[in-house]
Protein backbone atom coordinates (compact mmCIF):
# COMPACT_ATOMS: atom_id res chain seq x y z
CA MET A 1 38.66 -17.18 26.50
CA ARG A 2 36.56 -19.16 28.82
CA SER A 3 33.88 -17.36 30.99
CA ALA A 4 31.31 -19.28 32.34
CA GLU A 5 33.45 -19.58 35.88
CA PRO A 6 34.00 -16.09 37.84
CA PRO A 7 37.97 -15.16 37.97
CA PRO A 8 39.58 -16.53 41.38
CA ASP A 9 39.91 -14.35 44.11
CA ASN A 10 43.54 -13.91 43.45
CA PRO A 11 44.04 -13.78 39.73
CA PRO A 12 47.39 -13.04 38.52
CA CYS A 13 47.84 -9.86 36.74
CA THR A 14 44.78 -8.21 38.82
CA ALA A 15 44.33 -4.39 38.82
CA GLY A 16 41.90 -3.69 42.48
CA PRO A 17 41.25 -3.76 45.91
CA ALA A 18 44.03 -5.83 48.25
CA PRO A 19 42.35 -8.92 49.91
CA GLN A 20 39.95 -8.61 52.78
CA ARG A 21 43.26 -9.62 55.16
CA THR A 22 45.16 -6.62 53.95
CA GLN A 23 44.78 -3.72 56.16
CA GLN A 24 43.17 -0.69 54.39
CA ARG A 25 42.88 2.40 55.65
CA HIS A 26 40.90 4.16 52.94
CA GLY A 27 40.13 1.77 50.15
CA PRO A 28 37.41 -0.53 49.82
CA SER A 29 37.28 -3.59 52.27
CA HIS A 30 35.35 -6.15 51.13
CA PRO A 31 36.12 -8.69 47.76
CA PRO A 32 34.78 -7.88 44.18
CA ARG A 33 31.02 -8.47 43.72
CA ALA A 34 28.45 -7.66 41.11
CA VAL A 35 27.10 -4.15 42.03
CA PRO A 36 26.01 -1.24 40.26
CA LEU A 37 29.27 0.39 38.67
CA PHE A 38 28.07 3.92 40.12
CA ALA A 39 27.16 2.84 43.68
CA ARG A 40 30.77 4.65 45.19
CA SER A 41 29.34 8.07 44.06
CA LEU A 42 26.71 7.95 46.83
CA GLY A 43 23.50 8.92 44.34
CA ARG A 44 25.51 12.17 43.03
CA VAL A 45 26.33 11.98 39.44
CA ASP A 46 29.54 13.53 39.04
CA ALA A 47 31.81 13.86 36.02
CA VAL A 48 33.43 10.15 36.55
CA ASP A 49 30.22 8.94 36.47
CA ARG A 50 29.33 10.28 33.24
CA ALA A 51 32.21 8.82 31.62
CA PHE A 52 31.26 5.55 32.70
CA THR A 53 27.83 5.89 31.26
CA ALA A 54 29.17 7.18 27.62
CA HIS A 55 31.91 4.33 27.63
CA PRO A 56 30.56 1.01 28.93
CA ARG A 57 33.13 -1.24 30.21
CA GLU A 58 31.71 -4.33 28.03
CA GLY A 59 33.17 -2.22 24.52
CA PHE A 60 36.49 -3.12 25.86
CA LEU A 61 36.22 -6.38 26.67
CA PRO A 62 36.64 -9.50 24.53
CA ARG A 63 33.44 -10.89 23.31
CA GLY A 64 33.51 -13.86 25.27
CA VAL A 65 33.37 -12.31 28.72
CA ARG A 66 31.36 -9.36 28.08
CA ARG A 67 28.16 -10.40 29.81
CA ARG A 68 30.17 -10.52 32.74
CA ALA A 69 30.80 -6.47 32.23
CA SER A 70 28.74 -5.73 35.12
CA TYR A 71 30.79 -7.84 37.38
CA ASP A 72 33.20 -5.48 39.89
CA GLY A 73 36.13 -7.15 39.69
CA PRO A 74 39.02 -7.28 37.37
CA LEU A 75 38.30 -9.79 34.13
CA ARG A 76 40.84 -11.31 31.88
CA ILE A 77 41.49 -9.62 28.84
CA ALA A 78 44.71 -10.55 26.40
CA ALA A 79 48.25 -11.41 27.10
CA GLY A 80 47.91 -12.47 30.48
CA GLN A 81 46.19 -8.92 31.56
CA THR A 82 43.22 -7.61 32.98
CA ASN A 83 40.50 -4.89 32.70
CA SER A 84 40.69 -3.35 35.90
CA GLN A 85 38.09 -3.33 38.45
CA PRO A 86 35.55 -0.79 37.59
CA ARG A 87 35.37 0.50 41.46
CA THR A 88 39.00 0.79 41.35
CA VAL A 89 38.94 2.96 38.21
CA ALA A 90 36.33 5.00 39.31
CA ASP A 91 38.52 5.55 42.70
CA MET A 92 41.54 6.29 40.67
CA LEU A 93 40.14 8.95 38.23
CA ARG A 94 38.15 10.31 41.30
CA LEU A 95 41.31 10.85 42.57
CA LEU A 96 43.49 12.03 39.77
CA ASP A 97 40.71 15.29 39.80
CA VAL A 98 41.07 15.60 35.65
CA GLN A 99 40.06 18.83 34.64
CA PRO A 100 38.80 19.67 30.65
CA GLY A 101 41.74 21.06 28.28
CA GLN A 102 44.48 18.74 30.11
CA ARG A 103 47.12 16.56 28.79
CA VAL A 104 47.18 13.16 30.38
CA LEU A 105 49.18 10.29 30.23
CA ASP A 106 47.72 6.34 30.63
CA VAL A 107 50.45 4.42 31.58
CA GLY A 108 49.40 0.89 31.10
CA ALA A 109 46.23 1.24 28.96
CA GLY A 110 45.63 -1.99 28.32
CA SER A 111 41.93 -2.53 26.84
CA GLY A 112 41.86 1.11 26.20
CA TRP A 113 39.21 1.92 28.57
CA THR A 114 40.88 3.97 30.87
CA THR A 115 42.54 6.15 28.05
CA ALA A 116 38.49 6.81 26.88
CA LEU A 117 37.36 7.29 30.29
CA LEU A 118 40.15 9.85 30.55
CA ALA A 119 39.51 11.21 26.99
CA HIS A 120 35.87 12.09 27.79
CA LEU A 121 36.75 13.66 30.85
CA VAL A 122 39.23 16.22 29.46
CA GLY A 123 36.85 17.06 26.23
CA PRO A 124 37.98 17.86 22.80
CA THR A 125 39.73 20.70 23.92
CA GLY A 126 42.10 18.16 25.68
CA GLU A 127 44.75 15.36 24.99
CA VAL A 128 45.34 11.55 26.14
CA ARG A 129 47.91 9.37 25.11
CA GLY A 130 47.65 5.60 26.28
CA VAL A 131 51.40 3.76 26.50
CA GLU A 132 50.94 0.16 26.31
CA LEU A 133 53.55 -2.60 26.43
CA GLU A 134 51.99 -5.45 25.07
CA PRO A 135 51.71 -5.53 21.45
CA GLU A 136 48.40 -7.80 21.46
CA LEU A 137 46.72 -5.14 23.58
CA VAL A 138 48.18 -2.05 21.59
CA ARG A 139 45.94 -3.60 18.47
CA PHE A 140 43.04 -4.45 20.98
CA GLY A 141 42.89 -1.31 23.25
CA GLY A 142 44.02 1.13 20.12
CA ALA A 143 40.62 -0.81 17.83
CA ASN A 144 38.26 -0.11 21.35
CA LEU A 145 39.48 3.41 21.58
CA ALA A 146 38.98 4.32 18.01
CA ALA A 147 35.91 3.48 18.17
CA THR A 148 34.93 6.01 21.03
CA HIS A 149 35.52 8.57 18.10
CA GLN A 150 37.61 10.69 20.39
CA PRO A 151 40.37 11.56 18.70
CA TRP A 152 41.82 14.08 20.73
CA ALA A 153 42.61 10.39 22.56
CA SER A 154 45.84 7.84 20.96
CA MET A 155 46.98 4.59 22.09
CA THR A 156 50.70 3.81 21.01
CA ALA A 157 53.23 1.13 22.11
CA ALA A 158 55.65 1.89 24.87
CA THR A 159 59.18 1.54 24.47
CA PRO A 160 60.64 -1.31 26.20
CA GLY A 161 62.92 0.09 28.89
CA VAL A 162 61.19 3.67 28.95
CA LEU A 163 58.38 4.49 31.65
CA GLY A 164 56.02 6.93 30.08
CA ASP A 165 56.59 9.15 27.52
CA PRO A 166 59.07 11.45 28.30
CA SER A 167 59.34 12.94 24.89
CA GLY A 168 55.39 14.25 25.32
CA ALA A 169 56.09 15.57 28.59
CA PRO A 170 55.25 17.68 30.60
CA TYR A 171 51.34 16.24 31.25
CA ASP A 172 49.30 17.56 33.78
CA ARG A 173 47.94 14.21 34.75
CA ILE A 174 49.05 10.87 35.08
CA LEU A 175 47.52 7.77 35.54
CA VAL A 176 49.41 4.35 35.90
CA SER A 177 47.37 1.06 36.06
CA ALA A 178 50.59 -1.01 36.83
CA GLU A 179 52.73 -1.23 40.10
CA PRO A 180 56.25 -0.69 40.58
CA ASP A 181 58.02 -1.50 43.69
CA GLU A 182 59.30 1.92 44.41
CA LEU A 183 57.84 5.38 43.04
CA PRO A 184 59.49 5.56 39.60
CA GLN A 185 61.15 9.23 39.40
CA GLN A 186 61.47 8.98 35.74
CA LEU A 187 57.49 9.32 35.78
CA VAL A 188 57.53 11.95 38.68
CA ASP A 189 59.64 14.04 36.07
CA GLN A 190 57.03 13.96 33.60
CA LEU A 191 54.40 16.05 35.75
CA GLY A 192 53.89 19.42 34.80
CA ASP A 193 53.61 22.64 37.39
CA ASP A 194 50.46 21.82 39.53
CA GLY A 195 50.44 17.92 38.16
CA ARG A 196 48.78 15.04 39.63
CA MET A 197 49.90 11.24 39.06
CA VAL A 198 47.81 8.35 40.81
CA ILE A 199 50.13 5.23 40.89
CA PRO A 200 49.83 1.92 43.03
CA VAL A 201 53.38 1.46 44.54
CA ALA A 202 53.96 -1.54 46.91
CA GLY A 203 50.43 -2.12 47.41
CA THR A 204 49.63 1.10 48.14
CA MET A 205 47.85 3.94 46.03
CA LEU A 206 50.01 6.64 45.69
CA LEU A 207 49.06 10.46 44.75
CA VAL A 208 51.88 12.32 43.77
CA THR A 209 51.34 16.24 43.64
CA GLN A 210 53.34 19.18 41.84
CA PRO A 211 55.02 21.65 43.06
CA GLY A 212 57.23 19.82 45.59
CA GLU A 213 56.88 16.07 44.64
CA HIS A 214 54.20 16.06 47.77
CA VAL A 215 53.02 11.94 48.40
CA SER A 216 49.81 11.26 49.76
CA GLU A 217 48.42 6.98 50.70
CA HIS A 218 45.24 6.46 49.67
CA GLY A 219 44.53 2.77 50.62
CA ARG A 220 46.01 -0.96 49.57
CA TYR A 221 45.34 -2.05 46.25
CA ARG A 222 47.25 -4.95 43.97
CA PHE A 223 48.32 -4.41 39.91
CA VAL A 224 50.16 -6.20 37.31
CA PRO A 225 53.52 -4.92 38.04
CA LEU A 226 54.83 -2.39 35.83
CA ARG A 227 57.62 -3.14 33.16
């Protein structure tokens, strides 16, 4: 994979803020650029910052693009997919509000980076399961995750036509890094009592909370389609 040229402004299969022309209420309003990964915390170190420090992005990138790990935008990995923009990942994790000891489902685990970050947030008393549809990414992401030595986290192949992990439900938290056109009830049903799910739907980041399946909007983003 070539890495000499920067990714185009609108690469296919990206996960990151929508282009600048799209009106945003809460999300980032400028295109990706090289910035410190933890700039969003405004000088306050939180659990998400500590997870980023413990599991640097470069460990989840193909060797040819690792030198661009500090780029605050999506980077291509394998199977036509990308490693998400760090700023977007941080925003989603803070919105998800993961707590130690929780059970978390990571849908569209890709490179394994978000699964590793979630595992750091729940700690050894918790459990994280990443599911990924692309076989090449299951192997790539699984190897990356194993290298973090967090045995309470795993990454497995998703079942075609089945969203998430119904057999392992309910989950306290669900992170979805791919975009459906409508909110999938199949994933909502996998949330436990007081559960939270962060998912981009039709270009808008949504937070779904239980009880009551309350849905709130949190800015405009663009992701690879959910399959």
